[in-house]
Amino acid sequence: MFADPNQLEQVLLNIAVNARDAMPTGGTLTTTTAIRRRDRSDSRSASWVNIRIHDTGQGMPADVKARAFEPFFTTKPRGAGTGLGLATAYGIVAQNGDEIAIESDPASAPPSRSCSPPALSRHRRERRRGT
């Protein structure tokens, strides 16, 4: 895995804090990892580590989910949050050429949210360098 450990820690911490805040009466936070591989037509394949963070919080309505990664967007009362946690996570992941996504279904029983920030693969790092 070719990811800056400090940046990866920041992403995981920001997502975990957001999940904690979504579970004000308690809940479960689960982190799983998996190695993913995609075969490419140019005979090179790409492998990466997919990190999935799942919580049993309230879930995000579609309008909140659509804005979740916007800087300074928060659903917390004034003075209770900066709205920078998920925006920072998004920025770090995007800067490394990866993607981050939120899956959320407030109507499920129990509601759940998952956030997946994949870490850099060697192929992606080489592609960014132009090699």
Protein backbone atom coordinates (compact mmCIF):
# COMPACT_ATOMS: atom_id res chain seq x y z
CA MET A 1 0.00 0.00 0.00
CA PHE A 2 1.43 3.34 -1.05
CA ALA A 3 -0.31 5.94 1.06
CA ASP A 4 1.09 8.52 3.41
CA PRO A 5 0.37 7.02 6.84
CA ASN A 6 -0.37 10.43 8.38
CA GLN A 7 -2.85 11.31 5.66
CA LEU A 8 -4.53 7.92 5.89
CA GLU A 9 -4.78 8.34 9.66
CA GLN A 10 -6.35 11.79 9.18
CA VAL A 11 -8.93 10.40 6.74
CA LEU A 12 -9.86 7.51 9.06
CA LEU A 13 -10.02 9.75 12.12
CA ASN A 14 -12.22 12.35 10.42
CA ILE A 15 -14.63 9.68 9.20
CA ALA A 16 -14.69 7.99 12.62
CA VAL A 17 -15.46 11.29 14.38
CA ASN A 18 -18.26 11.98 11.92
CA ALA A 19 -19.65 8.49 12.53
CA ARG A 20 -19.41 8.95 16.29
CA ASP A 21 -21.39 12.15 16.06
CA ALA A 22 -24.05 10.34 14.03
CA MET A 23 -24.55 7.89 16.92
CA PRO A 24 -25.36 10.18 19.89
CA THR A 25 -26.89 7.33 21.90
CA GLY A 26 -24.23 4.79 20.96
CA GLY A 27 -23.86 2.31 18.18
CA THR A 28 -21.31 0.28 16.30
CA LEU A 29 -18.45 1.46 14.12
CA THR A 30 -16.91 -1.25 11.94
CA THR A 31 -13.87 -0.92 9.71
CA THR A 32 -13.08 -3.55 7.10
CA THR A 33 -10.38 -3.80 4.46
CA ALA A 34 -10.15 -5.75 1.25
CA ILE A 35 -7.64 -5.97 -1.55
CA ARG A 36 -9.30 -5.21 -4.86
CA ARG A 37 -7.88 -5.96 -8.28
CA ARG A 38 -8.97 -4.69 -11.65
CA ASP A 39 -7.62 -6.21 -14.85
CA ARG A 40 -6.84 -3.64 -17.49
CA SER A 41 -6.87 -3.97 -21.26
CA ASP A 42 -3.26 -2.73 -21.54
CA SER A 43 -2.03 -5.91 -19.75
CA ARG A 44 -1.28 -4.02 -16.54
CA SER A 45 -3.52 -4.63 -13.60
CA ALA A 46 -4.28 -2.36 -10.71
CA SER A 47 -4.59 -3.45 -7.12
CA TRP A 48 -5.66 -1.31 -4.21
CA VAL A 49 -6.81 -1.56 -0.67
CA ASN A 50 -10.44 -0.69 -0.11
CA ILE A 51 -11.25 0.55 3.38
CA ARG A 52 -14.92 0.50 4.33
CA ILE A 53 -16.16 2.23 7.46
CA HIS A 54 -19.68 1.37 8.52
CA ASP A 55 -21.68 2.84 11.38
CA THR A 56 -25.14 2.23 12.76
CA GLY A 57 -25.90 5.94 13.08
CA GLN A 58 -28.94 7.84 11.94
CA GLY A 59 -28.19 7.66 8.23
CA MET A 60 -27.99 10.67 5.93
CA PRO A 61 -30.95 12.01 4.01
CA ALA A 62 -30.20 12.51 0.29
CA ASP A 63 -29.86 16.30 0.61
CA VAL A 64 -27.27 15.95 3.40
CA LYS A 65 -25.40 13.17 1.59
CA ALA A 66 -25.18 15.37 -1.53
CA ARG A 67 -23.37 18.09 0.47
CA ALA A 68 -21.46 15.97 2.99
CA PHE A 69 -18.02 16.64 1.47
CA GLU A 70 -18.55 20.39 1.01
CA PRO A 71 -16.21 22.54 3.13
CA PHE A 72 -17.98 24.14 6.09
CA PHE A 73 -21.19 22.15 5.55
CA THR A 74 -22.49 20.81 8.86
CA THR A 75 -25.79 19.67 10.29
CA LYS A 76 -24.63 20.50 13.81
CA PRO A 77 -25.83 23.58 15.70
CA ARG A 78 -23.82 26.77 15.28
CA GLY A 79 -20.54 26.54 17.16
CA ALA A 80 -20.72 22.74 17.52
CA GLY A 81 -18.86 21.77 14.36
CA THR A 82 -16.69 23.24 11.64
CA GLY A 83 -17.89 21.17 8.70
CA LEU A 84 -14.32 20.39 7.74
CA GLY A 85 -13.92 16.73 8.76
CA LEU A 86 -15.41 15.01 5.71
CA ALA A 87 -14.25 17.83 3.42
CA THR A 88 -10.67 17.25 4.60
CA ALA A 89 -11.03 13.49 4.12
CA TYR A 90 -12.35 14.09 0.60
CA GLY A 91 -9.49 16.46 -0.22
CA ILE A 92 -6.81 14.05 0.96
CA VAL A 93 -8.31 11.13 -0.93
CA ALA A 94 -8.82 13.18 -4.13
CA GLN A 95 -5.30 14.62 -3.89
CA ASN A 96 -3.99 11.05 -3.95
CA GLY A 97 -5.97 10.22 -7.08
CA ASP A 98 -8.57 8.09 -5.36
CA GLU A 99 -12.27 8.33 -4.66
CA ILE A 100 -14.34 8.44 -1.50
CA ALA A 101 -18.04 7.67 -1.36
CA ILE A 102 -20.86 7.60 1.15
CA GLU A 103 -23.61 5.03 1.07
CA SER A 104 -26.48 5.86 3.36
CA ASP A 105 -30.01 4.67 3.84
CA PRO A 106 -31.88 6.38 6.69
CA ALA A 107 -34.93 4.21 5.92
CA SER A 108 -33.15 0.93 6.59
CA ALA A 109 -33.63 -0.86 9.87
CA PRO A 110 -31.36 -0.01 11.56
CA PRO A 111 -30.22 3.00 9.55
CA SER A 112 -26.65 2.72 8.35
CA ARG A 113 -23.91 4.70 6.68
CA SER A 114 -20.76 3.47 5.02
CA CYS A 115 -17.84 5.52 3.83
CA SER A 116 -15.19 4.00 1.60
CA PRO A 117 -11.86 5.78 1.11
CA PRO A 118 -9.60 3.49 -0.92
CA ALA A 119 -5.88 3.89 -0.33
CA LEU A 120 -3.40 4.41 -3.13
CA SER A 121 -2.22 1.53 -5.23
CA ARG A 122 1.24 1.34 -6.73
CA HIS A 123 -0.23 1.64 -10.22
CA ARG A 124 -2.12 4.80 -9.34
CA ARG A 125 0.96 6.38 -7.80
CA GLU A 126 2.97 5.55 -10.94
CA ARG A 127 0.21 6.90 -13.19
CA ARG A 128 0.22 10.20 -11.27
CA ARG A 129 3.99 10.46 -11.73
CA GLY A 130 3.62 9.76 -15.46
CA THR A 131 5.56 6.48 -15.44
